[in-house]
Protein backbone atom coordinates (compact mmCIF):
# COMPACT_ATOMS: atom_id res chain seq x y z
CA MET A 1 -5.24 10.46 -23.01
CA GLN A 2 -6.86 12.03 -19.90
CA SER A 3 -7.14 15.65 -19.72
CA VAL A 4 -5.24 17.43 -16.69
CA GLN A 5 -8.65 17.73 -14.95
CA GLU A 6 -9.53 14.27 -15.13
CA SER A 7 -6.27 12.81 -13.84
CA PRO A 8 -5.70 11.63 -10.49
CA LEU A 9 -2.16 12.70 -10.53
CA ASN A 10 -3.54 16.48 -10.63
CA LEU A 11 -2.31 17.79 -7.07
CA SER A 12 -5.35 20.36 -7.04
CA LEU A 13 -7.86 17.72 -6.69
CA THR A 14 -9.68 17.23 -2.80
CA LEU A 15 -9.83 14.20 -0.95
CA ALA A 16 -13.37 13.65 -1.69
CA GLU A 17 -12.71 14.13 -5.65
CA LEU A 18 -9.96 11.44 -5.41
CA LEU A 19 -12.26 9.08 -3.50
CA LYS A 20 -15.10 9.59 -6.23
CA LYS A 21 -12.29 8.17 -8.82
CA ASP A 22 -11.51 5.01 -6.97
CA THR A 23 -11.11 3.40 -3.16
CA ILE A 24 -8.34 1.26 -2.81
CA LYS A 25 -8.73 -1.05 0.13
CA VAL A 26 -5.52 -2.73 1.76
CA GLU A 27 -6.39 -5.92 3.97
CA LEU A 28 -4.09 -8.28 5.93
CA ILE A 29 -4.75 -11.87 4.91
CA PRO A 30 -4.68 -13.68 8.31
CA GLU A 31 -3.25 -17.27 7.31
CA LYS A 32 0.71 -17.13 6.53
CA LYS A 33 2.18 -18.14 3.11
CA GLY A 34 5.28 -20.05 2.12
CA LEU A 35 6.61 -23.46 2.50
CA PHE A 36 9.76 -22.73 4.80
CA LEU A 37 9.87 -19.18 5.26
CA LYS A 38 6.73 -18.04 6.32
CA HIS A 39 4.92 -14.60 5.78
CA VAL A 40 1.97 -12.78 5.58
CA GLU A 41 0.17 -11.01 2.62
CA TYR A 42 -1.86 -8.17 1.94
CA GLN A 43 -5.02 -8.06 -0.69
CA VAL A 44 -5.06 -4.80 -2.40
CA THR A 45 -8.80 -4.26 -3.91
CA SER A 46 -9.60 -1.29 -6.43
CA GLU A 47 -13.31 -0.92 -5.86
CA ARG A 48 -13.64 0.98 -9.37
CA PHE A 49 -11.87 -1.89 -11.20
CA THR A 50 -13.07 -4.86 -9.31
CA VAL A 51 -9.85 -6.19 -8.81
CA SER A 52 -7.73 -7.66 -6.27
CA VAL A 53 -3.64 -8.29 -6.10
CA TYR A 54 -1.91 -9.75 -3.15
CA ARG A 55 1.25 -8.34 -1.83
CA ARG A 56 3.85 -8.91 0.96
CA TYR A 57 5.10 -5.96 3.26
CA ASN A 58 8.45 -5.92 1.47
CA ASP A 59 6.48 -4.84 -1.79
CA PHE A 60 4.92 -1.88 -0.13
CA ASP A 61 8.54 -1.10 1.48
CA ILE A 62 10.28 -0.83 -2.11
CA PHE A 63 7.37 1.35 -3.56
CA HIS A 64 7.66 3.55 -0.86
CA GLU A 65 11.44 4.12 -1.49
CA LEU A 66 10.59 4.68 -5.21
CA LEU A 67 7.92 7.41 -3.92
CA LEU A 68 10.55 9.00 -1.90
CA GLN A 69 12.90 9.04 -4.95
CA ARG A 70 10.38 10.18 -7.40
CA TYR A 71 9.01 12.90 -4.77
CA ALA A 72 12.22 13.97 -2.95
CA TYR A 73 10.75 17.54 -1.99
CA ARG A 74 7.19 16.18 -0.94
CA VAL A 75 6.15 14.90 2.30
CA VAL A 76 5.42 11.10 1.60
CA PRO A 77 3.86 9.26 4.70
CA ALA A 78 5.76 6.64 6.43
CA LEU A 79 4.87 3.05 6.32
CA PRO A 80 3.02 1.47 9.38
CA PRO A 81 5.78 -0.60 11.20
CA LYS A 82 6.10 -4.26 10.23
CA ARG A 83 4.95 -6.75 12.63
CA VAL A 84 6.65 -10.09 13.11
CA LEU A 85 5.26 -12.97 14.69
CA LYS A 86 7.65 -15.12 16.74
CA GLY A 87 6.87 -17.44 19.33
CA GLY A 88 3.31 -16.26 19.71
CA LYS A 89 4.37 -12.78 20.63
CA ALA A 90 4.01 -9.91 18.09
CA LEU A 91 7.31 -7.72 17.50
CA ILE A 92 6.88 -4.64 15.97
CA TYR A 93 9.89 -3.02 13.82
CA SER A 94 10.14 0.38 13.05
CA LEU A 95 11.48 1.46 9.51
């Protein structure tokens, strides 16, 4: 088990110290997936563990709701708006 000083959950860590632990990148995959209901995916990559997973916007939305419930008295940043492509035009929906 990690000590309190080593844990990334330690709230006294600075941003620079957190970035030394790991950097997570989220990239939009341009091609659409799905047979009938087309959707886009995001590639989430950990530099430290050199692993990637693919997630949909809805996965981030659910995770955001869990963070809001778990950390009710903390500021949890809002998600960027969801963009839906329809008829060649980008429609932006705010959450």
